């Protein structure tokens, strides 16, 4: 899988600590009609696990809110990359 045609929603998972497994298989979220990435309310999530490097296109909204202690540098790098795409 390299593309998710609709939304990628990862939320309210109390045990999730990383998104490492997605990094090797995901590059694009959405189609010409949109596609959102919502990563919210995962209290143990402390890294994006490489998706900031593997995902190159998000056609819709990108929301990363109320998660664990994801480093600011990691979030900033991903947001900057998505704004440029």
N, C-alpha and C. Protein backbone atom coordinates (compact mmCIF):
# COMPACT_ATOMS: atom_id res chain seq x y z
N UNK A 1 0.85 -1.18 0.00
CA UNK A 1 0.00 0.00 0.00
C UNK A 1 0.89 1.24 0.00
N UNK A 2 0.68 2.09 -0.95
CA UNK A 2 1.41 3.35 -0.97
C UNK A 2 0.47 4.53 -0.84
N UNK A 3 -0.81 4.32 -1.18
CA UNK A 3 -1.79 5.40 -1.14
C UNK A 3 -3.05 4.97 -0.41
N UNK A 4 -3.55 5.86 0.44
CA UNK A 4 -4.87 5.71 1.04
C UNK A 4 -5.76 6.70 0.30
N UNK A 5 -6.82 6.23 -0.32
CA UNK A 5 -7.66 7.09 -1.15
C UNK A 5 -8.55 8.04 -0.37
N UNK A 6 -8.80 7.75 0.85
CA UNK A 6 -9.67 8.59 1.68
C UNK A 6 -8.86 9.16 2.85
N UNK A 7 -9.44 9.11 4.03
CA UNK A 7 -8.81 9.66 5.23
C UNK A 7 -8.00 8.62 5.98
N UNK A 8 -6.96 9.08 6.66
CA UNK A 8 -6.20 8.27 7.60
C UNK A 8 -6.50 8.86 8.97
N UNK A 9 -7.19 8.09 9.79
CA UNK A 9 -7.59 8.56 11.12
C UNK A 9 -7.01 7.60 12.17
N UNK A 10 -6.17 8.16 13.01
CA UNK A 10 -5.57 7.39 14.11
C UNK A 10 -5.90 8.17 15.38
N UNK A 11 -6.84 7.65 16.15
CA UNK A 11 -7.25 8.40 17.34
C UNK A 11 -7.73 7.49 18.45
N UNK A 12 -7.58 8.03 19.65
CA UNK A 12 -8.05 7.40 20.88
C UNK A 12 -7.50 5.99 21.09
N UNK A 13 -6.21 5.83 20.85
CA UNK A 13 -5.57 4.54 21.08
C UNK A 13 -4.61 4.72 22.26
N UNK A 14 -5.02 4.24 23.39
CA UNK A 14 -4.26 4.45 24.63
C UNK A 14 -2.91 3.76 24.64
N UNK A 15 -2.71 2.73 23.83
CA UNK A 15 -1.47 1.97 23.85
C UNK A 15 -0.52 2.27 22.70
N UNK A 16 -0.92 3.09 21.75
CA UNK A 16 -0.09 3.37 20.57
C UNK A 16 1.08 4.26 20.96
N UNK A 17 2.31 3.81 20.63
CA UNK A 17 3.50 4.59 20.98
C UNK A 17 4.26 5.10 19.76
N UNK A 18 4.02 4.51 18.59
CA UNK A 18 4.76 4.88 17.39
C UNK A 18 3.95 4.56 16.14
N UNK A 19 4.32 5.21 15.04
CA UNK A 19 3.70 4.93 13.75
C UNK A 19 4.71 4.29 12.80
N UNK A 20 5.70 3.61 13.37
CA UNK A 20 6.78 3.00 12.59
C UNK A 20 6.28 2.10 11.46
N UNK A 21 5.26 1.30 11.72
CA UNK A 21 4.80 0.35 10.70
C UNK A 21 4.23 1.05 9.47
N UNK A 22 3.68 2.23 9.63
CA UNK A 22 3.14 2.97 8.48
C UNK A 22 4.25 3.54 7.60
N UNK A 23 5.37 3.84 8.18
CA UNK A 23 6.45 4.52 7.45
C UNK A 23 6.93 3.73 6.25
N UNK A 24 6.90 2.43 6.33
CA UNK A 24 7.42 1.63 5.22
C UNK A 24 6.40 1.39 4.11
N UNK A 25 5.14 1.72 4.33
CA UNK A 25 4.12 1.38 3.34
C UNK A 25 3.29 2.55 2.83
N UNK A 26 3.42 3.73 3.41
CA UNK A 26 2.51 4.82 3.07
C UNK A 26 3.26 6.03 2.52
N UNK A 27 2.77 6.54 1.37
CA UNK A 27 3.37 7.73 0.78
C UNK A 27 2.36 8.85 0.56
N UNK A 28 1.12 8.50 0.19
CA UNK A 28 0.13 9.51 -0.16
C UNK A 28 -1.18 9.24 0.56
N UNK A 29 -1.81 10.31 1.05
CA UNK A 29 -3.14 10.21 1.65
C UNK A 29 -4.05 11.11 0.84
N UNK A 30 -5.09 10.51 0.24
CA UNK A 30 -6.08 11.27 -0.48
C UNK A 30 -5.96 11.16 -1.99
N UNK A 31 -6.96 11.73 -2.64
CA UNK A 31 -7.02 11.80 -4.09
C UNK A 31 -7.23 13.26 -4.45
N UNK A 32 -7.57 13.52 -5.69
CA UNK A 32 -7.83 14.89 -6.12
C UNK A 32 -8.98 15.51 -5.34
N UNK A 33 -9.81 14.68 -4.73
CA UNK A 33 -10.99 15.17 -4.00
C UNK A 33 -10.73 15.35 -2.51
N UNK A 34 -9.51 15.14 -2.07
CA UNK A 34 -9.16 15.35 -0.67
C UNK A 34 -8.81 14.05 0.02
N UNK A 35 -8.39 14.18 1.22
CA UNK A 35 -8.01 13.06 2.07
C UNK A 35 -7.26 13.64 3.26
N UNK A 36 -7.77 13.42 4.44
CA UNK A 36 -7.23 14.03 5.65
C UNK A 36 -6.38 13.05 6.45
N UNK A 37 -5.42 13.59 7.19
CA UNK A 37 -4.67 12.83 8.17
C UNK A 37 -5.00 13.42 9.53
N UNK A 38 -5.60 12.60 10.37
CA UNK A 38 -5.96 13.02 11.72
C UNK A 38 -5.30 12.07 12.71
N UNK A 39 -4.37 12.59 13.49
CA UNK A 39 -3.69 11.81 14.52
C UNK A 39 -3.96 12.53 15.83
N UNK A 40 -4.90 11.99 16.59
CA UNK A 40 -5.40 12.73 17.76
C UNK A 40 -5.66 11.81 18.95
N UNK A 41 -5.41 12.35 20.13
CA UNK A 41 -5.78 11.72 21.39
C UNK A 41 -5.20 10.31 21.57
N UNK A 42 -3.91 10.20 21.31
CA UNK A 42 -3.16 8.97 21.54
C UNK A 42 -2.12 9.29 22.61
N UNK A 43 -2.47 9.12 23.88
CA UNK A 43 -1.64 9.65 24.97
C UNK A 43 -0.23 9.07 25.07
N UNK A 44 0.02 7.88 24.54
CA UNK A 44 1.34 7.28 24.62
C UNK A 44 2.19 7.51 23.37
N UNK A 45 1.61 8.13 22.34
CA UNK A 45 2.33 8.34 21.08
C UNK A 45 3.43 9.37 21.29
N UNK A 46 4.68 8.92 21.13
CA UNK A 46 5.80 9.84 21.37
C UNK A 46 6.70 10.01 20.15
N UNK A 47 6.27 9.48 19.00
CA UNK A 47 7.00 9.69 17.75
C UNK A 47 6.07 9.44 16.57
N UNK A 48 6.34 10.13 15.48
CA UNK A 48 5.60 9.87 14.25
C UNK A 48 6.18 8.66 13.52
N UNK A 49 7.29 8.15 14.00
CA UNK A 49 7.84 6.90 13.53
C UNK A 49 8.28 6.88 12.08
N UNK A 50 8.72 7.98 11.57
CA UNK A 50 9.23 8.00 10.22
C UNK A 50 8.23 8.40 9.15
N UNK A 51 6.93 8.54 9.52
CA UNK A 51 5.99 8.94 8.47
C UNK A 51 6.28 10.36 8.00
N UNK A 52 6.96 11.14 8.83
CA UNK A 52 7.32 12.49 8.39
C UNK A 52 8.30 12.44 7.22
N UNK A 53 8.97 11.31 7.04
CA UNK A 53 9.87 11.14 5.90
C UNK A 53 9.20 10.39 4.75
N UNK A 54 8.35 9.40 5.05
CA UNK A 54 7.78 8.58 3.99
C UNK A 54 6.56 9.21 3.32
N UNK A 55 5.71 9.88 4.08
CA UNK A 55 4.51 10.49 3.49
C UNK A 55 4.92 11.78 2.80
N UNK A 56 4.62 11.87 1.52
CA UNK A 56 5.02 13.05 0.76
C UNK A 56 3.84 13.91 0.34
N UNK A 57 2.61 13.37 0.40
CA UNK A 57 1.45 14.13 -0.03
C UNK A 57 0.27 13.85 0.88
N UNK A 58 -0.36 14.92 1.38
CA UNK A 58 -1.65 14.85 2.08
C UNK A 58 -2.55 15.82 1.35
N UNK A 59 -3.61 15.30 0.72
CA UNK A 59 -4.47 16.13 -0.13
C UNK A 59 -5.44 17.01 0.66
N UNK A 60 -5.71 16.67 1.91
CA UNK A 60 -6.66 17.43 2.72
C UNK A 60 -5.98 18.02 3.94
N UNK A 61 -6.70 17.99 5.06
CA UNK A 61 -6.21 18.54 6.33
C UNK A 61 -5.18 17.62 6.96
N UNK A 62 -4.27 18.22 7.69
CA UNK A 62 -3.32 17.49 8.53
C UNK A 62 -3.51 18.00 9.95
N UNK A 63 -3.98 17.11 10.84
CA UNK A 63 -4.18 17.50 12.25
C UNK A 63 -3.47 16.48 13.14
N UNK A 64 -2.57 16.98 13.94
CA UNK A 64 -1.86 16.16 14.92
C UNK A 64 -2.03 16.87 16.27
N UNK A 65 -2.92 16.35 17.10
CA UNK A 65 -3.31 17.03 18.34
C UNK A 65 -3.43 16.06 19.51
N UNK A 66 -3.11 16.55 20.70
CA UNK A 66 -3.38 15.83 21.95
C UNK A 66 -2.81 14.42 21.97
N UNK A 67 -1.56 14.30 21.59
CA UNK A 67 -0.88 13.03 21.64
C UNK A 67 0.14 13.08 22.77
N UNK A 68 0.97 12.06 22.85
CA UNK A 68 2.02 12.04 23.88
C UNK A 68 3.05 13.13 23.61
N UNK A 69 4.25 12.85 23.93
CA UNK A 69 5.33 13.83 23.82
C UNK A 69 6.09 13.72 22.50
N UNK A 70 5.42 13.95 21.40
CA UNK A 70 6.10 13.95 20.10
C UNK A 70 7.01 15.18 20.08
N UNK A 71 8.29 14.99 19.77
CA UNK A 71 9.21 16.12 19.78
C UNK A 71 8.77 17.24 18.83
N UNK A 72 8.89 18.47 19.28
CA UNK A 72 8.50 19.64 18.48
C UNK A 72 9.21 19.66 17.13
N UNK A 73 10.50 19.27 17.12
CA UNK A 73 11.28 19.28 15.88
C UNK A 73 10.67 18.31 14.87
N UNK A 74 10.23 17.17 15.34
CA UNK A 74 9.64 16.15 14.48
C UNK A 74 8.34 16.67 13.87
N UNK A 75 7.50 17.28 14.69
CA UNK A 75 6.24 17.86 14.19
C UNK A 75 6.50 18.98 13.20
N UNK A 76 7.43 19.86 13.54
CA UNK A 76 7.73 21.00 12.68
C UNK A 76 8.26 20.54 11.32
N UNK A 77 9.12 19.53 11.33
CA UNK A 77 9.67 19.00 10.08
C UNK A 77 8.56 18.46 9.18
N UNK A 78 7.65 17.70 9.77
CA UNK A 78 6.55 17.11 9.01
C UNK A 78 5.60 18.20 8.47
N UNK A 79 5.25 19.15 9.30
CA UNK A 79 4.35 20.23 8.87
C UNK A 79 4.98 21.08 7.77
N UNK A 80 6.26 21.37 7.89
CA UNK A 80 6.95 22.14 6.87
C UNK A 80 6.96 21.39 5.55
N UNK A 81 7.22 20.11 5.60
CA UNK A 81 7.24 19.28 4.39
C UNK A 81 5.86 19.26 3.73
N UNK A 82 4.81 19.14 4.53
CA UNK A 82 3.46 19.07 3.96
C UNK A 82 3.03 20.42 3.38
N UNK A 83 3.46 21.51 3.99
CA UNK A 83 3.13 22.83 3.45
C UNK A 83 3.80 23.06 2.11
N UNK A 84 4.97 22.47 1.92
CA UNK A 84 5.72 22.64 0.67
C UNK A 84 5.20 21.74 -0.45
N UNK A 85 4.45 20.70 -0.10
CA UNK A 85 3.98 19.77 -1.15
C UNK A 85 2.73 20.24 -1.84
